[in-house]
PDB file of N, CA and C in Angstrom:
ATOM      1  N   MET A   1       0.924  -0.653   0.159  1.00  0.00           N
ATOM      2  CA  MET A   1      -0.053  -0.100   0.261  1.00  0.00           C
ATOM      3  C   MET A   1       0.427   1.050  -0.013  1.00  0.00           C
ATOM      4  N   ASN A   2       1.814   0.908   0.603  1.00  0.00           N
ATOM      5  CA  ASN A   2       2.468   2.091   0.825  1.00  0.00           C
ATOM      6  C   ASN A   2       3.754   2.522  -0.581  1.00  0.00           C
ATOM      7  N   PHE A   3       3.335   1.612  -0.900  1.00  0.00           N
ATOM      8  CA  PHE A   3       4.656   1.691  -1.871  1.00  0.00           C
ATOM      9  C   PHE A   3       3.694   2.515  -3.665  1.00  0.00           C
ATOM     10  N   THR A   4       2.450   1.485  -3.201  1.00  0.00           N
ATOM     11  CA  THR A   4       1.431   2.138  -4.045  1.00  0.00           C
ATOM     12  C   THR A   4       1.060   3.905  -4.613  1.00  0.00           C
ATOM     13  N   SER A   5       1.057   4.428  -3.313  1.00  0.00           N
ATOM     14  CA  SER A   5       0.828   5.566  -2.161  1.00  0.00           C
ATOM     15  C   SER A   5       1.514   6.742  -3.146  1.00  0.00           C
ATOM     16  N   ASN A   6       3.086   6.263  -3.637  1.00  0.00           N
ATOM     17  CA  ASN A   6       4.247   6.931  -4.076  1.00  0.00           C
ATOM     18  C   ASN A   6       4.925   6.517  -5.321  1.00  0.00           C
ATOM     19  N   ILE A   7       4.275   5.672  -5.946  1.00  0.00           N
ATOM     20  CA  ILE A   7       4.053   5.311  -7.274  1.00  0.00           C
ATOM     21  C   ILE A   7       2.969   6.655  -7.620  1.00  0.00           C
ATOM     22  N   VAL A   8       2.146   6.403  -7.313  1.00  0.00           N
ATOM     23  CA  VAL A   8       0.796   7.126  -7.205  1.00  0.00           C
ATOM     24  C   VAL A   8       1.379   9.108  -6.911  1.00  0.00           C
ATOM     25  N   SER A   9       1.775   9.596  -6.020  1.00  0.00           N
ATOM     26  CA  SER A   9       2.184  10.521  -5.610  1.00  0.00           C
ATOM     27  C   SER A   9       3.218  11.092  -6.665  1.00  0.00           C
ATOM     28  N   LEU A  10       4.029   9.915  -7.048  1.00  0.00           N
ATOM     29  CA  LEU A  10       4.967  10.760  -7.891  1.00  0.00           C
ATOM     30  C   LEU A  10       4.614  10.559  -9.344  1.00  0.00           C
ATOM     31  N   ILE A  11       3.566  10.524  -9.724  1.00  0.00           N
ATOM     32  CA  ILE A  11       3.333  10.391 -10.973  1.00  0.00           C
ATOM     33  C   ILE A  11       2.247  11.862 -10.548  1.00  0.00           C
ATOM     34  N   VAL A  12       1.245  11.729  -9.655  1.00  0.00           N
ATOM     35  CA  VAL A  12       0.906  13.471  -9.710  1.00  0.00           C
ATOM     36  C   VAL A  12       1.622  14.555  -9.913  1.00  0.00           C
ATOM     37  N   PHE A  13       2.654  14.400  -8.416  1.00  0.00           N
ATOM     38  CA  PHE A  13       3.588  15.723  -8.910  1.00  0.00           C
ATOM     39  C   PHE A  13       4.449  15.683  -9.766  1.00  0.00           C
ATOM     40  N   LEU A  14       4.974  14.379 -11.174  1.00  0.00           N
ATOM     41  CA  LEU A  14       5.444  14.308 -12.565  1.00  0.00           C
ATOM     42  C   LEU A  14       4.431  14.978 -13.334  1.00  0.00           C
ATOM     43  N   ILE A  15       3.056  15.133 -12.820  1.00  0.00           N
ATOM     44  CA  ILE A  15       2.163  15.645 -13.814  1.00  0.00           C
ATOM     45  C   ILE A  15       2.612  17.537 -13.946  1.00  0.00           C
ATOM     46  N   GLY A  16       2.095  18.171 -12.722  1.00  0.00           N
ATOM     47  CA  GLY A  16       1.864  19.581 -11.873  1.00  0.00           C
ATOM     48  C   GLY A  16       3.714  20.027 -12.011  1.00  0.00           C
ATOM     49  N   GLY A  17       4.549  18.970 -12.503  1.00  0.00           N
ATOM     50  CA  GLY A  17       6.110  20.048 -12.336  1.00  0.00           C
ATOM     51  C   GLY A  17       6.603  20.028 -11.521  1.00  0.00           C
ATOM     52  N   ASN A  18       6.014  19.780 -10.036  1.00  0.00           N
ATOM     53  CA  ASN A  18       6.530  19.585  -9.172  1.00  0.00           C
ATOM     54  C   ASN A  18       7.224  19.038  -7.810  1.00  0.00           C
ATOM     55  N   ILE A  19       8.249  18.576  -8.519  1.00  0.00           N
ATOM     56  CA  ILE A  19       8.673  17.226  -7.974  1.00  0.00           C
ATOM     57  C   ILE A  19      10.255  17.854  -7.823  1.00  0.00           C
ATOM     58  N   VAL A  20      11.101  17.560  -6.607  1.00  0.00           N
ATOM     59  CA  VAL A  20      12.604  17.609  -5.909  1.00  0.00           C
ATOM     60  C   VAL A  20      12.765  16.609  -6.217  1.00  0.00           C
ATOM     61  N   PHE A  21      13.123  16.044  -7.053  1.00  0.00           N
ATOM     62  CA  PHE A  21      14.448  14.084  -7.244  1.00  0.00           C
ATOM     63  C   PHE A  21      15.219  13.733  -6.219  1.00  0.00           C
ATOM     64  N   TRP A  22      16.441  14.893  -5.648  1.00  0.00           N
ATOM     65  CA  TRP A  22      17.000  14.337  -4.894  1.00  0.00           C
ATOM     66  C   TRP A  22      16.632  13.971  -3.060  1.00  0.00           C
ATOM     67  N   PRO A  23      16.025  15.003  -2.843  1.00  0.00           N
ATOM     68  CA  PRO A  23      14.987  14.211  -1.165  1.00  0.00           C
ATOM     69  C   PRO A  23      14.234  12.644  -1.945  1.00  0.00           C
ATOM     70  N   GLY A  24      13.431  13.325  -2.939  1.00  0.00           N
ATOM     71  CA  GLY A  24      12.697  12.167  -3.350  1.00  0.00           C
ATOM     72  C   GLY A  24      13.111  11.137  -3.006  1.00  0.00           C
ATOM     73  N   LEU A  25      14.687  10.771  -4.014  1.00  0.00           N
ATOM     74  CA  LEU A  25      15.644   9.562  -4.274  1.00  0.00           C
ATOM     75  C   LEU A  25      15.877   9.590  -2.493  1.00  0.00           C
ATOM     76  N   CYS A  26      16.389  10.229  -1.641  1.00  0.00           N
ATOM     77  CA  CYS A  26      16.650   9.893  -0.606  1.00  0.00           C
ATOM     78  C   CYS A  26      15.606   9.007   0.371  1.00  0.00           C
ATOM     79  N   MET A  27      14.706   9.644   0.403  1.00  0.00           N
ATOM     80  CA  MET A  27      13.309   9.126   1.090  1.00  0.00           C
ATOM     81  C   MET A  27      13.185   7.603   0.197  1.00  0.00           C
ATOM     82  N   GLY A  28      12.661   7.330  -0.720  1.00  0.00           N
ATOM     83  CA  GLY A  28      12.838   6.378  -1.223  1.00  0.00           C
ATOM     84  C   GLY A  28      14.046   5.328  -0.679  1.00  0.00           C
ATOM     85  N   LEU A  29      15.091   5.372  -0.311  1.00  0.00           N
ATOM     86  CA  LEU A  29      16.125   4.611   0.025  1.00  0.00           C
ATOM     87  C   LEU A  29      16.003   4.261   1.233  1.00  0.00           C
ATOM     88  N   GLY A  30      15.331   5.247   2.093  1.00  0.00           N
ATOM     89  CA  GLY A  30      15.037   5.268   3.572  1.00  0.00           C
ATOM     90  C   GLY A  30      14.915   3.728   3.865  1.00  0.00           C
ATOM     91  N   GLU A  31      12.727   4.577   3.472  1.00  0.00           N
ATOM     92  CA  GLU A  31      12.181   3.722   2.904  1.00  0.00           C
ATOM     93  C   GLU A  31      12.923   1.794   2.863  1.00  0.00           C
ATOM     94  N   ILE A  32      13.375   2.079   1.660  1.00  0.00           N
ATOM     95  CA  ILE A  32      13.787   0.562   1.379  1.00  0.00           C
ATOM     96  C   ILE A  32      15.094   0.329   2.647  1.00  0.00           C
ATOM     97  N   LEU A  33      16.057   0.808   3.146  1.00  0.00           N
ATOM     98  CA  LEU A  33      16.881   0.241   4.030  1.00  0.00           C
ATOM     99  C   LEU A  33      15.365  -0.141   5.043  1.00  0.00           C
ATOM    100  N   GLY A  34      14.438   1.180   5.565  1.00  0.00           N
ATOM    101  CA  GLY A  34      13.627   1.291   6.333  1.00  0.00           C
ATOM    102  C   GLY A  34      13.310  -0.653   6.804  1.00  0.00           C
ATOM    103  N   ALA A  35      12.455  -0.733   5.332  1.00  0.00           N
ATOM    104  CA  ALA A  35      12.132  -2.069   5.746  1.00  0.00           C
ATOM    105  C   ALA A  35      12.802  -3.226   5.524  1.00  0.00           C
ATOM    106  N   LYS A  36      13.733  -2.827   4.771  1.00  0.00           N
ATOM    107  CA  LYS A  36      14.477  -4.699   4.763  1.00  0.00           C
ATOM    108  C   LYS A  36      15.021  -4.572   6.043  1.00  0.00           C
ATOM    109  N   ILE A  37      15.468  -2.950   6.869  1.00  0.00           N
ATOM    110  CA  ILE A  37      15.655  -3.593   8.573  1.00  0.00           C
ATOM    111  C   ILE A  37      15.112  -3.745   8.830  1.00  0.00           C
ATOM    112  N   GLY A  38      13.887  -3.751   9.036  1.00  0.00           N
ATOM    113  CA  GLY A  38      12.516  -4.083   9.882  1.00  0.00           C
ATOM    114  C   GLY A  38      11.918  -6.137   9.665  1.00  0.00           C
ATOM    115  N   THR A  39      11.786  -6.168   8.101  1.00  0.00           N
ATOM    116  CA  THR A  39      11.530  -7.193   7.489  1.00  0.00           C
ATOM    117  C   THR A  39      12.830  -8.914   8.801  1.00  0.00           C
ATOM    118  N   THR A  40      13.760  -8.236   8.268  1.00  0.00           N
ATOM    119  CA  THR A  40      15.072  -9.352   8.949  1.00  0.00           C
ATOM    120  C   THR A  40      15.049  -9.651  10.836  1.00  0.00           C
ATOM    121  N   LEU A  41      14.288  -7.585  11.157  1.00  0.00           N
ATOM    122  CA  LEU A  41      14.265  -7.631  12.498  1.00  0.00           C
ATOM    123  C   LEU A  41      13.433  -8.703  13.035  1.00  0.00           C
ATOM    124  N   VAL A  42      11.958  -8.791  11.948  1.00  0.00           N
ATOM    125  CA  VAL A  42      10.938  -9.376  12.242  1.00  0.00           C
ATOM    126  C   VAL A  42      10.951 -11.159  11.875  1.00  0.00           C
ATOM    127  N   ILE A  43      12.166 -11.337  10.991  1.00  0.00           N
ATOM    128  CA  ILE A  43      12.467 -12.628  10.973  1.00  0.00           C
ATOM    129  C   ILE A  43      13.407 -13.260  12.158  1.00  0.00           C
ATOM    130  N   LYS A  44      14.417 -12.754  12.557  1.00  0.00           N
ATOM    131  CA  LYS A  44      15.441 -12.673  13.509  1.00  0.00           C
ATOM    132  C   LYS A  44      15.338 -13.399  14.638  1.00  0.00           C
ATOM    133  N   LYS A  45      13.928 -11.827  15.736  1.00  0.00           N
ATOM    134  CA  LYS A  45      13.355 -11.832  16.971  1.00  0.00           C
ATOM    135  C   LYS A  45      11.956 -11.835  17.153  1.00  0.00           C
ATOM    136  N   GLY A  46      11.414 -11.841  15.739  1.00  0.00           N
ATOM    137  CA  GLY A  46       9.742 -12.472  16.144  1.00  0.00           C
ATOM    138  C   GLY A  46       8.887 -10.991  16.723  1.00  0.00           C
ATOM    139  N   VAL A  47       7.344 -11.550  16.925  1.00  0.00           N
ATOM    140  CA  VAL A  47       7.041 -10.590  17.302  1.00  0.00           C
ATOM    141  C   VAL A  47       7.277 -10.042  18.604  1.00  0.00           C
ATOM    142  N   LYS A  48       7.644 -10.770  20.356  1.00  0.00           N
ATOM    143  CA  LYS A  48       7.217 -10.595  20.844  1.00  0.00           C
ATOM    144  C   LYS A  48       9.020  -8.967  21.213  1.00  0.00           C
ATOM    145  N   PHE A  49       9.716  -9.231  20.718  1.00  0.00           N
ATOM    146  CA  PHE A  49      10.460  -8.133  20.130  1.00  0.00           C
ATOM    147  C   PHE A  49      10.009  -6.705  19.587  1.00  0.00           C
ATOM    148  N   ILE A  50       9.112  -6.752  18.554  1.00  0.00           N
ATOM    149  CA  ILE A  50       8.255  -6.497  16.926  1.00  0.00           C
ATOM    150  C   ILE A  50       7.728  -5.079  17.751  1.00  0.00           C
ATOM    151  N   ARG A  51       6.402  -5.322  18.725  1.00  0.00           N
ATOM    152  CA  ARG A  51       4.925  -5.247  19.518  1.00  0.00           C
ATOM    153  C   ARG A  51       5.650  -4.273  20.121  1.00  0.00           C
ATOM    154  N   PRO A  52       6.581  -4.433  21.250  1.00  0.00           N
ATOM    155  CA  PRO A  52       7.153  -3.313  21.803  1.00  0.00           C
ATOM    156  C   PRO A  52       7.723  -1.610  21.714  1.00  0.00           C
ATOM    157  N   VAL A  53       8.332  -2.199  20.514  1.00  0.00           N
ATOM    158  CA  VAL A  53       9.032  -1.205  19.778  1.00  0.00           C
ATOM    159  C   VAL A  53       8.317  -0.455  19.020  1.00  0.00           C
ATOM    160  N   PHE A  54       7.388  -1.120  18.225  1.00  0.00           N
ATOM    161  CA  PHE A  54       6.261  -0.624  17.499  1.00  0.00           C
ATOM    162  C   PHE A  54       5.351   0.789  18.629  1.00  0.00           C
ATOM    163  N   ILE A  55       4.859  -0.275  19.930  1.00  0.00           N
ATOM    164  CA  ILE A  55       4.859   0.364  20.682  1.00  0.00           C
ATOM    165  C   ILE A  55       5.070   2.084  21.072  1.00  0.00           C
ATOM    166  N   ALA A  56       5.744   1.249  20.709  1.00  0.00           N
ATOM    167  CA  ALA A  56       7.044   2.841  21.422  1.00  0.00           C
ATOM    168  C   ALA A  56       6.874   3.548  20.345  1.00  0.00           C
ATOM    169  N   VAL A  57       7.193   3.503  19.275  1.00  0.00           N
ATOM    170  CA  VAL A  57       7.131   4.889  18.240  1.00  0.00           C
ATOM    171  C   VAL A  57       6.095   4.858  18.713  1.00  0.00           C
ATOM    172  N   VAL A  58       5.217   4.631  17.710  1.00  0.00           N
ATOM    173  CA  VAL A  58       3.315   4.703  18.016  1.00  0.00           C
ATOM    174  C   VAL A  58       2.992   5.952  18.980  1.00  0.00           C
ATOM    175  N   LEU A  59       4.067   5.275  20.126  1.00  0.00           N
ATOM    176  CA  LEU A  59       3.373   6.591  21.699  1.00  0.00           C
ATOM    177  C   LEU A  59       4.031   7.721  21.549  1.00  0.00           C
ATOM    178  N   ALA A  60       5.650   7.738  20.775  1.00  0.00           N
ATOM    179  CA  ALA A  60       6.569   8.139  20.854  1.00  0.00           C
ATOM    180  C   ALA A  60       5.635   9.883  19.807  1.00  0.00           C
ATOM    181  N   THR A  61       5.590   9.702  18.516  1.00  0.00           N
ATOM    182  CA  THR A  61       4.723  10.192  17.335  1.00  0.00           C
ATOM    183  C   THR A  61       3.775  10.536  18.328  1.00  0.00           C
ATOM    184  N   THR A  62       2.796   9.714  19.000  1.00  0.00           N
ATOM    185  CA  THR A  62       1.788  10.303  19.351  1.00  0.00           C
ATOM    186  C   THR A  62       1.995  12.097  20.044  1.00  0.00           C
ATOM    187  N   LEU A  63       2.918  11.604  21.624  1.00  0.00           N
ATOM    188  CA  LEU A  63       3.553  12.925  22.070  1.00  0.00           C
ATOM    189  C   LEU A  63       3.806  13.836  21.607  1.00  0.00           C
ATOM    190  N   LYS A  64       4.477  13.742  20.586  1.00  0.00           N
ATOM    191  CA  LYS A  64       5.358  14.951  19.402  1.00  0.00           C
ATOM    192  C   LYS A  64       4.140  15.613  19.187  1.00  0.00           C
ATOM    193  N   LEU A  65       2.629  14.833  18.289  1.00  0.00           N
ATOM    194  CA  LEU A  65       2.096  15.398  17.708  1.00  0.00           C
ATOM    195  C   LEU A  65       1.155  16.295  18.015  1.00  0.00           C
ATOM    196  N   PHE A  66       0.692  15.877  19.944  1.00  0.00           N
ATOM    197  CA  PHE A  66       0.100  16.683  20.940  1.00  0.00           C
ATOM    198  C   PHE A  66       1.185  18.175  21.547  1.00  0.00           C
ATOM    199  N   TYR A  67       1.729  17.739  21.863  1.00  0.00           N
ATOM    200  CA  TYR A  67       3.260  19.093  22.479  1.00  0.00           C
ATOM    201  C   TYR A  67       3.397  19.761  20.736  1.00  0.00           C
ATOM    202  N   ASP A  68       2.876  19.379  19.734  1.00  0.00           N
ATOM    203  CA  ASP A  68       3.364  20.312  18.559  1.00  0.00           C
ATOM    204  C   ASP A  68       1.814  21.237  18.895  1.00  0.00           C
ATOM    205  N   ASN A  69       0.746  20.113  19.064  1.00  0.00           N
ATOM    206  CA  ASN A  69       0.062  21.056  18.829  1.00  0.00           C
ATOM    207  C   ASN A  69      -0.560  22.327  20.317  1.00  0.00           C
ATOM    208  N   LEU A  70       0.660  21.580  21.488  1.00  0.00           N
ATOM    209  CA  LEU A  70       0.236  22.675  22.142  1.00  0.00           C
ATOM    210  C   LEU A  70       0.814  24.328  21.249  1.00  0.00           C
ATOM    211  N   LYS A  71       1.876  23.895  21.074  1.00  0.00           N
ATOM    212  CA  LYS A  71       2.537  25.617  20.524  1.00  0.00           C
ATOM    213  C   LYS A  71       1.695  26.303  19.679  1.00  0.00           C
TER     214      LYS A  71
END
């Protein structure tokens, strides 16, 4: 789903002529690297490791969003 949304976004921005390639390529490489690391961790460590990490990241993101909206 994420890959599909990225391709559709790329097409929309290309049509509009509003694309900056260097940051987009960096983000794409980061996405590929993150997916590789994530799948490797799931295979090696299992759900017992990944679930707490996922919950911690979601909690940190939620707290940051709340903090940003307090300003």
